[in-house]
Amino acid sequence: MSEERARVVIVEDHALTREGMRTALGAAYAVIGEASDGIAGYETILRERPDVAVIDLGLPGVDGITLTQRVKAELPATRVVIMTMVDVEEEVIAALAAGADAYCLKSSPIEVLVDAVRIARDGGAYFDPRIAHVVLARFSPRTTPAARGDSPLSPRELDVLRLIADGKANSEIAVALNIGLGTVKGHIRDILEKLRAADRTQAAVFALRRGLI
């Protein structure tokens, strides 16, 4: 990834919240546009074609989920970070289905948003730890269709990732697969690198969203 600063558009209806986001994100990225509702947000994103769009879920005019769907349809290269006050399962799943690349709670420290933008910009997926369990519970490995042919992971790495999604610790994975703990850690390291994930939870969410496990 280039060292050029990521170009970011913020779509948030609360002025003070938007100002805080602009200040925090502006220290690390180039904030090239802002909007206070979904309609203006869509126009701004289409005009500016940002690397990352930070979108509030509860926008007036056009809600954040609909806006995300429209942005992804028109500008698939633009990454979307959803911001929301709530961790309601239906809204989390709807945001994922719309194509959101990251999902943050507004009650989290602002540094979480800064990190989420970086991870999304670099092609990864980020979900606030407080909502990751919602995704993992909804998309269990037993109900998600596999797509092994499209997977960048080896069969053994998929086995490890499936156990991670089931909530297994490294020692439990080692026992289940009859391999050494060091081998498990090596597989996890390779999984994170291949999926461009920052941690185990992000890797599992990424794989479950894309039907890899």
N, C-alpha and C. Protein backbone atom coordinates (compact mmCIF):
# COMPACT_ATOMS: atom_id res chain seq x y z
N MET A 1 0.84 -1.19 0.00
CA MET A 1 0.00 0.00 0.00
C MET A 1 0.88 1.24 0.00
N SER A 2 0.52 2.23 -0.75
CA SER A 2 1.27 3.47 -0.84
C SER A 2 1.24 4.22 0.48
N GLU A 3 2.25 5.08 0.70
CA GLU A 3 2.30 5.90 1.90
C GLU A 3 1.41 7.12 1.77
N GLU A 4 0.82 7.34 0.60
CA GLU A 4 -0.08 8.48 0.41
C GLU A 4 -1.24 8.39 1.41
N ARG A 5 -1.60 9.53 1.99
CA ARG A 5 -2.67 9.55 2.98
C ARG A 5 -4.00 9.15 2.37
N ALA A 6 -4.72 8.30 3.08
CA ALA A 6 -6.04 7.86 2.61
C ALA A 6 -6.98 9.06 2.53
N ARG A 7 -7.83 9.06 1.51
CA ARG A 7 -8.82 10.11 1.31
C ARG A 7 -10.14 9.64 1.91
N VAL A 8 -10.70 10.44 2.80
CA VAL A 8 -11.86 10.02 3.59
C VAL A 8 -13.00 11.02 3.46
N VAL A 9 -14.23 10.50 3.34
CA VAL A 9 -15.44 11.31 3.41
C VAL A 9 -16.22 10.87 4.64
N ILE A 10 -16.73 11.84 5.40
CA ILE A 10 -17.52 11.57 6.60
C ILE A 10 -18.98 11.92 6.35
N VAL A 11 -19.88 10.98 6.64
CA VAL A 11 -21.31 11.25 6.52
C VAL A 11 -21.93 11.00 7.89
N GLU A 12 -22.23 12.07 8.59
CA GLU A 12 -22.72 12.01 9.98
C GLU A 12 -23.64 13.20 10.23
N ASP A 13 -24.82 12.96 10.78
CA ASP A 13 -25.79 14.04 10.91
C ASP A 13 -25.61 14.92 12.15
N HIS A 14 -24.91 14.45 13.16
CA HIS A 14 -24.68 15.26 14.35
C HIS A 14 -23.40 16.08 14.18
N ALA A 15 -23.56 17.40 14.23
CA ALA A 15 -22.44 18.30 13.92
C ALA A 15 -21.26 18.11 14.86
N LEU A 16 -21.51 17.99 16.17
CA LEU A 16 -20.40 17.83 17.11
C LEU A 16 -19.68 16.51 16.91
N THR A 17 -20.44 15.45 16.65
CA THR A 17 -19.82 14.15 16.39
C THR A 17 -18.99 14.22 15.12
N ARG A 18 -19.54 14.86 14.10
CA ARG A 18 -18.83 14.98 12.83
C ARG A 18 -17.54 15.78 13.00
N GLU A 19 -17.61 16.83 13.81
CA GLU A 19 -16.41 17.64 14.06
C GLU A 19 -15.34 16.82 14.76
N GLY A 20 -15.76 15.99 15.73
CA GLY A 20 -14.80 15.14 16.42
C GLY A 20 -14.16 14.12 15.50
N MET A 21 -14.96 13.55 14.63
CA MET A 21 -14.43 12.61 13.64
C MET A 21 -13.45 13.30 12.70
N ARG A 22 -13.83 14.50 12.25
CA ARG A 22 -12.96 15.24 11.32
C ARG A 22 -11.61 15.54 11.97
N THR A 23 -11.64 15.95 13.23
CA THR A 23 -10.39 16.28 13.92
C THR A 23 -9.51 15.05 14.09
N ALA A 24 -10.11 13.94 14.53
CA ALA A 24 -9.34 12.72 14.77
C ALA A 24 -8.82 12.12 13.48
N LEU A 25 -9.69 12.03 12.49
CA LEU A 25 -9.28 11.42 11.22
C LEU A 25 -8.33 12.33 10.45
N GLY A 26 -8.51 13.63 10.60
CA GLY A 26 -7.67 14.57 9.87
C GLY A 26 -6.21 14.54 10.28
N ALA A 27 -5.95 14.02 11.48
CA ALA A 27 -4.57 13.91 11.94
C ALA A 27 -3.83 12.79 11.22
N ALA A 28 -4.58 11.82 10.70
CA ALA A 28 -3.94 10.66 10.06
C ALA A 28 -4.26 10.55 8.57
N TYR A 29 -5.40 11.11 8.15
CA TYR A 29 -5.85 10.94 6.77
C TYR A 29 -6.27 12.30 6.19
N ALA A 30 -6.58 12.30 4.91
CA ALA A 30 -7.06 13.51 4.25
C ALA A 30 -8.58 13.48 4.21
N VAL A 31 -9.22 14.28 5.04
CA VAL A 31 -10.69 14.35 5.03
C VAL A 31 -11.09 15.30 3.90
N ILE A 32 -11.65 14.74 2.83
CA ILE A 32 -11.89 15.52 1.61
C ILE A 32 -13.35 15.91 1.42
N GLY A 33 -14.22 15.47 2.33
CA GLY A 33 -15.62 15.84 2.19
C GLY A 33 -16.43 15.42 3.39
N GLU A 34 -17.53 16.13 3.61
CA GLU A 34 -18.44 15.83 4.71
C GLU A 34 -19.88 16.04 4.25
N ALA A 35 -20.80 15.36 4.93
CA ALA A 35 -22.21 15.54 4.65
C ALA A 35 -23.00 15.20 5.90
N SER A 36 -24.19 15.79 6.04
CA SER A 36 -24.99 15.60 7.24
C SER A 36 -26.24 14.75 7.01
N ASP A 37 -26.42 14.25 5.80
CA ASP A 37 -27.55 13.35 5.54
C ASP A 37 -27.17 12.39 4.41
N GLY A 38 -28.00 11.36 4.24
CA GLY A 38 -27.66 10.32 3.27
C GLY A 38 -27.68 10.78 1.83
N ILE A 39 -28.57 11.69 1.50
CA ILE A 39 -28.66 12.16 0.11
C ILE A 39 -27.43 12.98 -0.26
N ALA A 40 -27.09 13.95 0.59
CA ALA A 40 -25.89 14.75 0.33
C ALA A 40 -24.64 13.88 0.43
N GLY A 41 -24.68 12.89 1.33
CA GLY A 41 -23.55 11.99 1.47
C GLY A 41 -23.28 11.21 0.20
N TYR A 42 -24.34 10.71 -0.41
CA TYR A 42 -24.19 9.96 -1.66
C TYR A 42 -23.57 10.84 -2.75
N GLU A 43 -24.07 12.05 -2.86
CA GLU A 43 -23.54 12.98 -3.88
C GLU A 43 -22.07 13.30 -3.60
N THR A 44 -21.74 13.53 -2.34
CA THR A 44 -20.35 13.86 -1.98
C THR A 44 -19.41 12.70 -2.26
N ILE A 45 -19.83 11.49 -1.91
CA ILE A 45 -18.99 10.31 -2.14
C ILE A 45 -18.79 10.07 -3.63
N LEU A 46 -19.85 10.20 -4.42
CA LEU A 46 -19.72 10.01 -5.87
C LEU A 46 -18.79 11.07 -6.47
N ARG A 47 -18.87 12.28 -5.97
CA ARG A 47 -18.05 13.36 -6.52
C ARG A 47 -16.59 13.21 -6.13
N GLU A 48 -16.34 12.89 -4.86
CA GLU A 48 -14.97 12.85 -4.35
C GLU A 48 -14.28 11.51 -4.55
N ARG A 49 -15.05 10.43 -4.69
CA ARG A 49 -14.50 9.09 -4.89
C ARG A 49 -13.41 8.78 -3.86
N PRO A 50 -13.76 8.77 -2.58
CA PRO A 50 -12.76 8.58 -1.52
C PRO A 50 -12.27 7.14 -1.43
N ASP A 51 -11.15 6.97 -0.75
CA ASP A 51 -10.68 5.62 -0.45
C ASP A 51 -11.59 4.97 0.59
N VAL A 52 -12.05 5.78 1.56
CA VAL A 52 -12.90 5.27 2.64
C VAL A 52 -14.02 6.26 2.91
N ALA A 53 -15.24 5.74 3.05
CA ALA A 53 -16.38 6.55 3.47
C ALA A 53 -16.79 6.10 4.86
N VAL A 54 -16.81 7.05 5.80
CA VAL A 54 -17.27 6.77 7.16
C VAL A 54 -18.73 7.19 7.22
N ILE A 55 -19.62 6.23 7.45
CA ILE A 55 -21.06 6.47 7.31
C ILE A 55 -21.79 6.13 8.61
N ASP A 56 -22.57 7.10 9.09
CA ASP A 56 -23.42 6.87 10.25
C ASP A 56 -24.60 6.00 9.82
N LEU A 57 -25.00 5.09 10.69
CA LEU A 57 -26.10 4.18 10.34
C LEU A 57 -27.45 4.90 10.32
N GLY A 58 -27.67 5.80 11.28
CA GLY A 58 -28.98 6.43 11.40
C GLY A 58 -29.05 7.79 10.76
N LEU A 59 -28.85 7.86 9.46
CA LEU A 59 -28.87 9.13 8.74
C LEU A 59 -30.28 9.53 8.32
N PRO A 60 -30.57 10.84 8.28
CA PRO A 60 -31.84 11.29 7.69
C PRO A 60 -31.75 11.24 6.16
N GLY A 61 -32.89 11.21 5.52
CA GLY A 61 -32.93 11.20 4.05
C GLY A 61 -32.76 9.80 3.50
N VAL A 62 -31.56 9.29 3.55
CA VAL A 62 -31.23 7.92 3.15
C VAL A 62 -30.42 7.32 4.29
N ASP A 63 -30.86 6.18 4.82
CA ASP A 63 -30.16 5.60 5.97
C ASP A 63 -28.80 5.04 5.55
N GLY A 64 -27.97 4.75 6.56
CA GLY A 64 -26.61 4.32 6.31
C GLY A 64 -26.50 3.01 5.56
N ILE A 65 -27.41 2.09 5.79
CA ILE A 65 -27.36 0.80 5.10
C ILE A 65 -27.66 0.98 3.62
N THR A 66 -28.71 1.75 3.31
CA THR A 66 -29.05 2.01 1.91
C THR A 66 -27.92 2.78 1.22
N LEU A 67 -27.36 3.75 1.93
CA LEU A 67 -26.25 4.52 1.36
C LEU A 67 -25.06 3.61 1.07
N THR A 68 -24.76 2.71 1.97
CA THR A 68 -23.66 1.76 1.76
C THR A 68 -23.91 0.91 0.52
N GLN A 69 -25.12 0.42 0.36
CA GLN A 69 -25.47 -0.38 -0.82
C GLN A 69 -25.24 0.41 -2.10
N ARG A 70 -25.67 1.66 -2.11
CA ARG A 70 -25.52 2.50 -3.31
C ARG A 70 -24.06 2.81 -3.60
N VAL A 71 -23.30 3.10 -2.54
CA VAL A 71 -21.88 3.39 -2.73
C VAL A 71 -21.16 2.18 -3.29
N LYS A 72 -21.42 1.00 -2.72
CA LYS A 72 -20.75 -0.21 -3.17
C LYS A 72 -21.13 -0.56 -4.60
N ALA A 73 -22.36 -0.24 -5.00
CA ALA A 73 -22.78 -0.51 -6.37
C ALA A 73 -22.09 0.41 -7.36
N GLU A 74 -21.89 1.67 -6.98
CA GLU A 74 -21.30 2.66 -7.89
C GLU A 74 -19.78 2.72 -7.80
N LEU A 75 -19.26 2.56 -6.58
CA LEU A 75 -17.82 2.69 -6.35
C LEU A 75 -17.33 1.51 -5.52
N PRO A 76 -17.22 0.35 -6.12
CA PRO A 76 -16.84 -0.84 -5.35
C PRO A 76 -15.47 -0.73 -4.69
N ALA A 77 -14.60 0.13 -5.20
CA ALA A 77 -13.27 0.27 -4.61
C ALA A 77 -13.29 1.11 -3.34
N THR A 78 -14.35 1.87 -3.13
CA THR A 78 -14.44 2.68 -1.91
C THR A 78 -14.81 1.79 -0.74
N ARG A 79 -14.02 1.84 0.31
CA ARG A 79 -14.27 1.05 1.50
C ARG A 79 -15.23 1.81 2.42
N VAL A 80 -16.08 1.08 3.12
CA VAL A 80 -17.10 1.72 3.97
C VAL A 80 -16.92 1.30 5.43
N VAL A 81 -16.83 2.31 6.29
CA VAL A 81 -16.80 2.10 7.74
C VAL A 81 -18.12 2.61 8.30
N ILE A 82 -18.89 1.72 8.92
CA ILE A 82 -20.17 2.08 9.51
C ILE A 82 -19.96 2.50 10.97
N MET A 83 -20.60 3.62 11.35
CA MET A 83 -20.60 4.07 12.74
C MET A 83 -22.03 4.04 13.25
N THR A 84 -22.21 3.55 14.48
CA THR A 84 -23.56 3.48 15.04
C THR A 84 -23.52 3.55 16.56
N MET A 85 -24.66 3.89 17.13
CA MET A 85 -24.80 3.92 18.59
C MET A 85 -25.19 2.57 19.15
N VAL A 86 -25.70 1.67 18.28
CA VAL A 86 -26.30 0.43 18.78
C VAL A 86 -25.59 -0.80 18.24
N ASP A 87 -25.80 -1.93 18.94
CA ASP A 87 -25.23 -3.20 18.49
C ASP A 87 -26.35 -4.21 18.24
N VAL A 88 -27.49 -3.71 17.71
CA VAL A 88 -28.63 -4.57 17.42
C VAL A 88 -28.26 -5.56 16.31
N GLU A 89 -28.53 -6.84 16.55
CA GLU A 89 -28.10 -7.88 15.62
C GLU A 89 -28.59 -7.63 14.20
N GLU A 90 -29.85 -7.26 14.04
CA GLU A 90 -30.40 -7.08 12.69
C GLU A 90 -29.67 -5.98 11.94
N GLU A 91 -29.28 -4.92 12.64
CA GLU A 91 -28.59 -3.82 11.97
C GLU A 91 -27.16 -4.19 11.63
N VAL A 92 -26.51 -4.94 12.52
CA VAL A 92 -25.15 -5.40 12.23
C VAL A 92 -25.15 -6.28 10.99
N ILE A 93 -26.07 -7.24 10.94
CA ILE A 93 -26.13 -8.16 9.81
C ILE A 93 -26.50 -7.42 8.54
N ALA A 94 -27.43 -6.45 8.65
CA ALA A 94 -27.82 -5.68 7.47
C ALA A 94 -26.64 -4.87 6.92
N ALA A 95 -25.83 -4.32 7.82
CA ALA A 95 -24.65 -3.57 7.38
C ALA A 95 -23.67 -4.48 6.67
N LEU A 96 -23.48 -5.68 7.19
CA LEU A 96 -22.60 -6.65 6.53
C LEU A 96 -23.12 -7.01 5.16
N ALA A 97 -24.41 -7.27 5.09
CA ALA A 97 -25.01 -7.65 3.81
C ALA A 97 -24.91 -6.53 2.79
N ALA A 98 -24.94 -5.29 3.26
CA ALA A 98 -24.84 -4.14 2.37
C ALA A 98 -23.43 -3.96 1.83
N GLY A 99 -22.44 -4.61 2.49
CA GLY A 99 -21.07 -4.52 2.01
C GLY A 99 -20.14 -3.71 2.88
N ALA A 100 -20.56 -3.38 4.11
CA ALA A 100 -19.69 -2.62 5.00
C ALA A 100 -18.40 -3.38 5.27
N ASP A 101 -17.29 -2.65 5.29
CA ASP A 101 -15.98 -3.27 5.52
C ASP A 101 -15.55 -3.16 6.97
N ALA A 102 -16.18 -2.27 7.72
CA ALA A 102 -15.86 -2.10 9.14
C ALA A 102 -17.09 -1.58 9.85
N TYR A 103 -17.19 -1.88 11.14
CA TYR A 103 -18.37 -1.52 11.92
C TYR A 103 -17.89 -1.11 13.30
N CYS A 104 -18.11 0.16 13.66
CA CYS A 104 -17.65 0.69 14.94
C CYS A 104 -18.81 1.25 15.74
N LEU A 105 -18.74 1.11 17.05
CA LEU A 105 -19.70 1.74 17.93
C LEU A 105 -19.22 3.14 18.30
N LYS A 106 -20.14 4.10 18.32
CA LYS A 106 -19.75 5.47 18.63
C LYS A 106 -19.25 5.62 20.06
N SER A 107 -19.62 4.68 20.92
CA SER A 107 -19.17 4.75 22.31
C SER A 107 -17.73 4.29 22.48
N SER A 108 -17.14 3.75 21.41
CA SER A 108 -15.74 3.33 21.48
C SER A 108 -14.81 4.53 21.44
N PRO A 109 -13.60 4.41 21.93
CA PRO A 109 -12.63 5.51 21.81
C PRO A 109 -12.43 5.88 20.34
N ILE A 110 -12.18 7.16 20.09
CA ILE A 110 -12.05 7.62 18.72
C ILE A 110 -10.89 6.93 18.00
N GLU A 111 -9.91 6.46 18.77
CA GLU A 111 -8.78 5.74 18.16
C GLU A 111 -9.23 4.48 17.44
N VAL A 112 -10.35 3.92 17.90
CA VAL A 112 -10.89 2.72 17.24
C VAL A 112 -11.31 3.05 15.81
N LEU A 113 -11.95 4.20 15.64
CA LEU A 113 -12.36 4.62 14.30
C LEU A 113 -11.15 4.86 13.42
N VAL A 114 -10.12 5.50 13.96
CA VAL A 114 -8.90 5.76 13.19
C VAL A 114 -8.29 4.44 12.72
N ASP A 115 -8.24 3.46 13.61
CA ASP A 115 -7.70 2.14 13.24
C ASP A 115 -8.59 1.44 12.22
N ALA A 116 -9.91 1.55 12.40
CA ALA A 116 -10.84 0.89 11.49
C ALA A 116 -10.69 1.43 10.07
N VAL A 117 -10.50 2.74 9.94
CA VAL A 117 -10.30 3.34 8.62
C VAL A 117 -9.02 2.81 7.99
N ARG A 118 -7.97 2.71 8.78
CA ARG A 118 -6.70 2.18 8.25
C ARG A 118 -6.86 0.74 7.78
N ILE A 119 -7.49 -0.08 8.61
CA ILE A 119 -7.67 -1.50 8.28
C ILE A 119 -8.52 -1.64 7.03
N ALA A 120 -9.61 -0.88 6.96
CA ALA A 120 -10.49 -0.95 5.78
C ALA A 120 -9.76 -0.47 4.53
N ARG A 121 -9.04 0.64 4.66
CA ARG A 121 -8.28 1.18 3.53
C ARG A 121 -7.29 0.16 2.97
N ASP A 122 -6.70 -0.61 3.87
CA ASP A 122 -5.70 -1.59 3.47
C ASP A 122 -6.30 -2.91 3.02
N GLY A 123 -7.63 -2.97 2.93
CA GLY A 123 -8.28 -4.17 2.41
C GLY A 123 -8.75 -5.15 3.45
N GLY A 124 -8.62 -4.79 4.72
CA GLY A 124 -9.06 -5.70 5.78
C GLY A 124 -10.48 -5.42 6.23
N ALA A 125 -10.92 -6.17 7.21
CA ALA A 125 -12.25 -5.99 7.80
C ALA A 125 -12.09 -5.77 9.29
N TYR A 126 -12.82 -4.79 9.83
CA TYR A 126 -12.77 -4.54 11.26
C TYR A 126 -14.18 -4.48 11.83
N PHE A 127 -14.38 -5.18 12.94
CA PHE A 127 -15.66 -5.11 13.64
C PHE A 127 -15.38 -4.94 15.12
N ASP A 128 -16.00 -3.93 15.71
CA ASP A 128 -15.82 -3.66 17.12
C ASP A 128 -15.97 -4.96 17.91
N PRO A 129 -15.04 -5.26 18.81
CA PRO A 129 -15.12 -6.51 19.58
C PRO A 129 -16.46 -6.72 20.26
N ARG A 130 -17.17 -5.62 20.57
CA ARG A 130 -18.45 -5.76 21.25
C ARG A 130 -19.57 -6.21 20.34
N ILE A 131 -19.35 -6.18 19.01
CA ILE A 131 -20.38 -6.69 18.10
C ILE A 131 -19.89 -7.90 17.31
N ALA A 132 -18.61 -8.23 17.42
CA ALA A 132 -18.09 -9.38 16.66
C ALA A 132 -18.83 -10.66 17.02
N HIS A 133 -19.19 -10.80 18.31
CA HIS A 133 -19.89 -12.02 18.72
C HIS A 133 -21.23 -12.17 18.04
N VAL A 134 -21.86 -11.04 17.69
CA VAL A 134 -23.14 -11.08 16.99
C VAL A 134 -22.96 -11.73 15.62
N VAL A 135 -21.89 -11.34 14.93
CA VAL A 135 -21.63 -11.88 13.61
C VAL A 135 -21.31 -13.36 13.69
N LEU A 136 -20.44 -13.72 14.63
CA LEU A 136 -20.04 -15.11 14.75
C LEU A 136 -21.20 -16.01 15.14
N ALA A 137 -22.10 -15.50 15.97
CA ALA A 137 -23.25 -16.30 16.39
C ALA A 137 -24.23 -16.48 15.24
N ARG A 138 -24.39 -15.45 14.43
CA ARG A 138 -25.36 -15.51 13.33
C ARG A 138 -24.86 -16.38 12.19
N PHE A 139 -23.60 -16.20 11.83
CA PHE A 139 -23.01 -16.94 10.72
C PHE A 139 -22.16 -18.08 11.25
N SER A 140 -22.77 -19.11 11.75
CA SER A 140 -21.99 -20.25 12.26
C SER A 140 -21.45 -21.06 11.10
N PRO A 141 -20.33 -21.76 11.29
CA PRO A 141 -19.75 -22.57 10.22
C PRO A 141 -20.70 -23.66 9.73
N ARG A 142 -21.68 -24.00 10.55
CA ARG A 142 -22.58 -25.07 10.14
C ARG A 142 -23.67 -24.59 9.19
N THR A 143 -23.85 -23.24 9.09
CA THR A 143 -24.92 -22.74 8.24
C THR A 143 -24.41 -21.93 7.07
N THR A 144 -23.12 -21.63 7.04
CA THR A 144 -22.57 -20.82 5.96
C THR A 144 -22.01 -21.71 4.86
N PRO A 145 -22.45 -21.52 3.61
CA PRO A 145 -21.95 -22.38 2.54
C PRO A 145 -20.47 -22.17 2.30
N ALA A 146 -19.75 -23.25 2.08
CA ALA A 146 -18.32 -23.17 1.86
C ALA A 146 -18.02 -22.73 0.44
N ALA A 147 -16.88 -22.10 0.30
CA ALA A 147 -16.45 -21.66 -1.03
C ALA A 147 -14.97 -21.96 -1.15
N ARG A 148 -14.60 -23.21 -0.91
CA ARG A 148 -13.18 -23.59 -0.86
C ARG A 148 -12.44 -23.23 -2.14
N GLY A 149 -13.14 -23.30 -3.26
CA GLY A 149 -12.46 -23.04 -4.52
C GLY A 149 -11.96 -21.61 -4.63
N ASP A 150 -12.62 -20.68 -3.90
CA ASP A 150 -12.23 -19.27 -3.96
C ASP A 150 -11.37 -18.87 -2.77
N SER A 151 -11.02 -19.82 -1.92
CA SER A 151 -10.31 -19.49 -0.70
C SER A 151 -8.81 -19.36 -0.92
N PRO A 152 -8.19 -18.32 -0.31
CA PRO A 152 -6.73 -18.20 -0.37
C PRO A 152 -6.05 -19.11 0.65
N LEU A 153 -6.84 -19.79 1.47
CA LEU A 153 -6.30 -20.60 2.55
C LEU A 153 -6.20 -22.07 2.16
N SER A 154 -5.24 -22.75 2.77
CA SER A 154 -5.09 -24.18 2.56
C SER A 154 -6.19 -24.93 3.33
N PRO A 155 -6.44 -26.20 3.00
CA PRO A 155 -7.45 -26.97 3.75
C PRO A 155 -7.18 -26.98 5.25
N ARG A 156 -5.92 -27.12 5.67
CA ARG A 156 -5.63 -27.13 7.09
C ARG A 156 -5.87 -25.77 7.72
N GLU A 157 -5.53 -24.71 7.01
CA GLU A 157 -5.80 -23.36 7.53
C GLU A 157 -7.30 -23.13 7.67
N LEU A 158 -8.08 -23.65 6.75
CA LEU A 158 -9.54 -23.55 6.87
C LEU A 158 -10.03 -24.30 8.09
N ASP A 159 -9.42 -25.46 8.37
CA ASP A 159 -9.79 -26.22 9.57
C ASP A 159 -9.52 -25.39 10.83
N VAL A 160 -8.35 -24.76 10.86
CA VAL A 160 -7.98 -23.93 12.01
C VAL A 160 -8.94 -22.75 12.13
N LEU A 161 -9.24 -22.11 11.02
CA LEU A 161 -10.12 -20.93 11.04
C LEU A 161 -11.53 -21.31 11.48
N ARG A 162 -11.99 -22.47 11.08
CA ARG A 162 -13.32 -22.94 11.49
C ARG A 162 -13.38 -23.10 13.01
N LEU A 163 -12.31 -23.63 13.59
CA LEU A 163 -12.26 -23.80 15.04
C LEU A 163 -12.14 -22.46 15.76
N ILE A 164 -11.44 -21.52 15.15
CA ILE A 164 -11.37 -20.16 15.71
C ILE A 164 -12.78 -19.56 15.76
N ALA A 165 -13.53 -19.73 14.67
CA ALA A 165 -14.89 -19.20 14.61
C ALA A 165 -15.80 -19.87 15.63
N ASP A 166 -15.46 -21.10 16.01
CA ASP A 166 -16.22 -21.80 17.05
C ASP A 166 -15.81 -21.37 18.45
N GLY A 167 -14.83 -20.45 18.53
CA GLY A 167 -14.41 -19.93 19.82
C GLY A 167 -13.35 -20.75 20.53
N LYS A 168 -12.66 -21.63 19.81
CA LYS A 168 -11.66 -22.50 20.42
C LYS A 168 -10.35 -21.75 20.67
N ALA A 169 -9.72 -22.04 21.79
CA ALA A 169 -8.40 -21.50 22.10
C ALA A 169 -7.35 -22.27 21.31
N ASN A 170 -6.14 -21.70 21.22
CA ASN A 170 -5.07 -22.35 20.47
C ASN A 170 -4.81 -23.77 20.96
N SER A 171 -4.81 -23.96 22.28
CA SER A 171 -4.55 -25.29 22.83
C SER A 171 -5.65 -26.28 22.43
N GLU A 172 -6.89 -25.81 22.39
CA GLU A 172 -8.00 -26.68 21.98
C GLU A 172 -7.92 -27.03 20.50
N ILE A 173 -7.47 -26.07 19.69
CA ILE A 173 -7.30 -26.33 18.26
C ILE A 173 -6.22 -27.38 18.05
N ALA A 174 -5.15 -27.27 18.82
CA ALA A 174 -4.05 -28.23 18.71
C ALA A 174 -4.54 -29.64 19.01
N VAL A 175 -5.33 -29.79 20.06
CA VAL A 175 -5.86 -31.10 20.42
C VAL A 175 -6.83 -31.61 19.36
N ALA A 176 -7.72 -30.74 18.90
CA ALA A 176 -8.74 -31.15 17.92
C ALA A 176 -8.11 -31.62 16.61
N LEU A 177 -7.02 -30.98 16.21
CA LEU A 177 -6.40 -31.31 14.92
C LEU A 177 -5.17 -32.21 15.08
N ASN A 178 -4.85 -32.53 16.34
CA ASN A 178 -3.70 -33.40 16.61
C ASN A 178 -2.41 -32.83 16.05
N ILE A 179 -2.19 -31.54 16.31
CA ILE A 179 -0.97 -30.87 15.87
C ILE A 179 -0.39 -30.11 17.06
N GLY A 180 0.85 -29.66 16.94
CA GLY A 180 1.50 -28.94 18.01
C GLY A 180 0.99 -27.53 18.16
N LEU A 181 1.16 -26.97 19.36
CA LEU A 181 0.72 -25.61 19.61
C LEU A 181 1.47 -24.62 18.73
N GLY A 182 2.76 -24.88 18.52
CA GLY A 182 3.54 -24.00 17.64
C GLY A 182 3.03 -24.02 16.22
N THR A 183 2.58 -25.21 15.77
CA THR A 183 2.02 -25.32 14.42
C THR A 183 0.72 -24.52 14.31
N VAL A 184 -0.10 -24.58 15.36
CA VAL A 184 -1.34 -23.80 15.37
C VAL A 184 -1.02 -22.31 15.25
N LYS A 185 -0.07 -21.85 16.03
CA LYS A 185 0.29 -20.42 15.99
C LYS A 185 0.82 -20.03 14.61
N GLY A 186 1.56 -20.94 13.98
CA GLY A 186 2.06 -20.66 12.64
C GLY A 186 0.93 -20.56 11.63
N HIS A 187 -0.05 -21.46 11.75
CA HIS A 187 -1.21 -21.40 10.84
C HIS A 187 -1.98 -20.10 11.03
N ILE A 188 -2.15 -19.71 12.29
CA ILE A 188 -2.90 -18.48 12.56
C ILE A 188 -2.17 -17.27 12.00
N ARG A 189 -0.86 -17.26 12.15
CA ARG A 189 -0.06 -16.16 11.59
C ARG A 189 -0.25 -16.09 10.08
N ASP A 190 -0.23 -17.25 9.41
CA ASP A 190 -0.40 -17.28 7.96
C ASP A 190 -1.82 -16.87 7.56
N ILE A 191 -2.80 -17.28 8.35
CA ILE A 191 -4.20 -16.92 8.07
C ILE A 191 -4.37 -15.40 8.14
N LEU A 192 -3.84 -14.79 9.19
CA LEU A 192 -3.97 -13.34 9.35
C LEU A 192 -3.31 -12.61 8.19
N GLU A 193 -2.16 -13.11 7.76
CA GLU A 193 -1.46 -12.47 6.66
C GLU A 193 -2.24 -12.61 5.35
N LYS A 194 -2.75 -13.81 5.08
CA LYS A 194 -3.46 -14.04 3.82
C LYS A 194 -4.78 -13.28 3.76
N LEU A 195 -5.47 -13.16 4.90
CA LEU A 195 -6.75 -12.48 4.93
C LEU A 195 -6.60 -10.99 5.26
N ARG A 196 -5.37 -10.57 5.54
CA ARG A 196 -5.08 -9.17 5.87
C ARG A 196 -5.91 -8.74 7.07
N ALA A 197 -5.99 -9.62 8.06
CA ALA A 197 -6.76 -9.36 9.27
C ALA A 197 -5.82 -9.01 10.41
N ALA A 198 -6.30 -8.18 11.33
CA ALA A 198 -5.46 -7.74 12.44
C ALA A 198 -5.46 -8.73 13.59
N ASP A 199 -6.53 -9.53 13.70
CA ASP A 199 -6.58 -10.49 14.80
C ASP A 199 -7.49 -11.65 14.43
N ARG A 200 -7.64 -12.59 15.36
CA ARG A 200 -8.42 -13.81 15.12
C ARG A 200 -9.88 -13.50 14.80
N THR A 201 -10.46 -12.56 15.55
CA THR A 201 -11.87 -12.23 15.35
C THR A 201 -12.11 -11.66 13.96
N GLN A 202 -11.25 -10.75 13.53
CA GLN A 202 -11.40 -10.18 12.20
C GLN A 202 -11.26 -11.25 11.13
N ALA A 203 -10.33 -12.17 11.31
CA ALA A 203 -10.15 -13.25 10.34
C ALA A 203 -11.40 -14.11 10.24
N ALA A 204 -12.00 -14.44 11.39
CA ALA A 204 -13.20 -15.27 11.39
C ALA A 204 -14.36 -14.54 10.74
N VAL A 205 -14.53 -13.26 11.06
CA VAL A 205 -15.61 -12.47 10.47
C VAL A 205 -15.44 -12.38 8.96
N PHE A 206 -14.23 -12.10 8.53
CA PHE A 206 -13.93 -12.00 7.10
C PHE A 206 -14.31 -13.30 6.39
N ALA A 207 -13.90 -14.42 6.96
CA ALA A 207 -14.15 -15.72 6.32
C ALA A 207 -15.63 -16.08 6.32
N LEU A 208 -16.30 -15.78 7.41
CA LEU A 208 -17.72 -16.09 7.49
C LEU A 208 -18.54 -15.25 6.53
N ARG A 209 -18.17 -13.97 6.39
CA ARG A 209 -18.88 -13.09 5.46
C ARG A 209 -18.76 -13.60 4.02
N ARG A 210 -17.60 -14.13 3.69
CA ARG A 210 -17.34 -14.54 2.31
C ARG A 210 -17.57 -16.02 2.07
N GLY A 211 -18.11 -16.71 3.04
CA GLY A 211 -18.44 -18.11 2.86
C GLY A 211 -17.24 -19.02 2.72
N LEU A 212 -16.11 -18.63 3.31
CA LEU A 212 -14.91 -19.46 3.19
C LEU A 212 -14.97 -20.66 4.13
N ILE A 213 -15.77 -20.54 5.20
CA ILE A 213 -15.88 -21.65 6.15
C ILE A 213 -17.35 -21.90 6.48
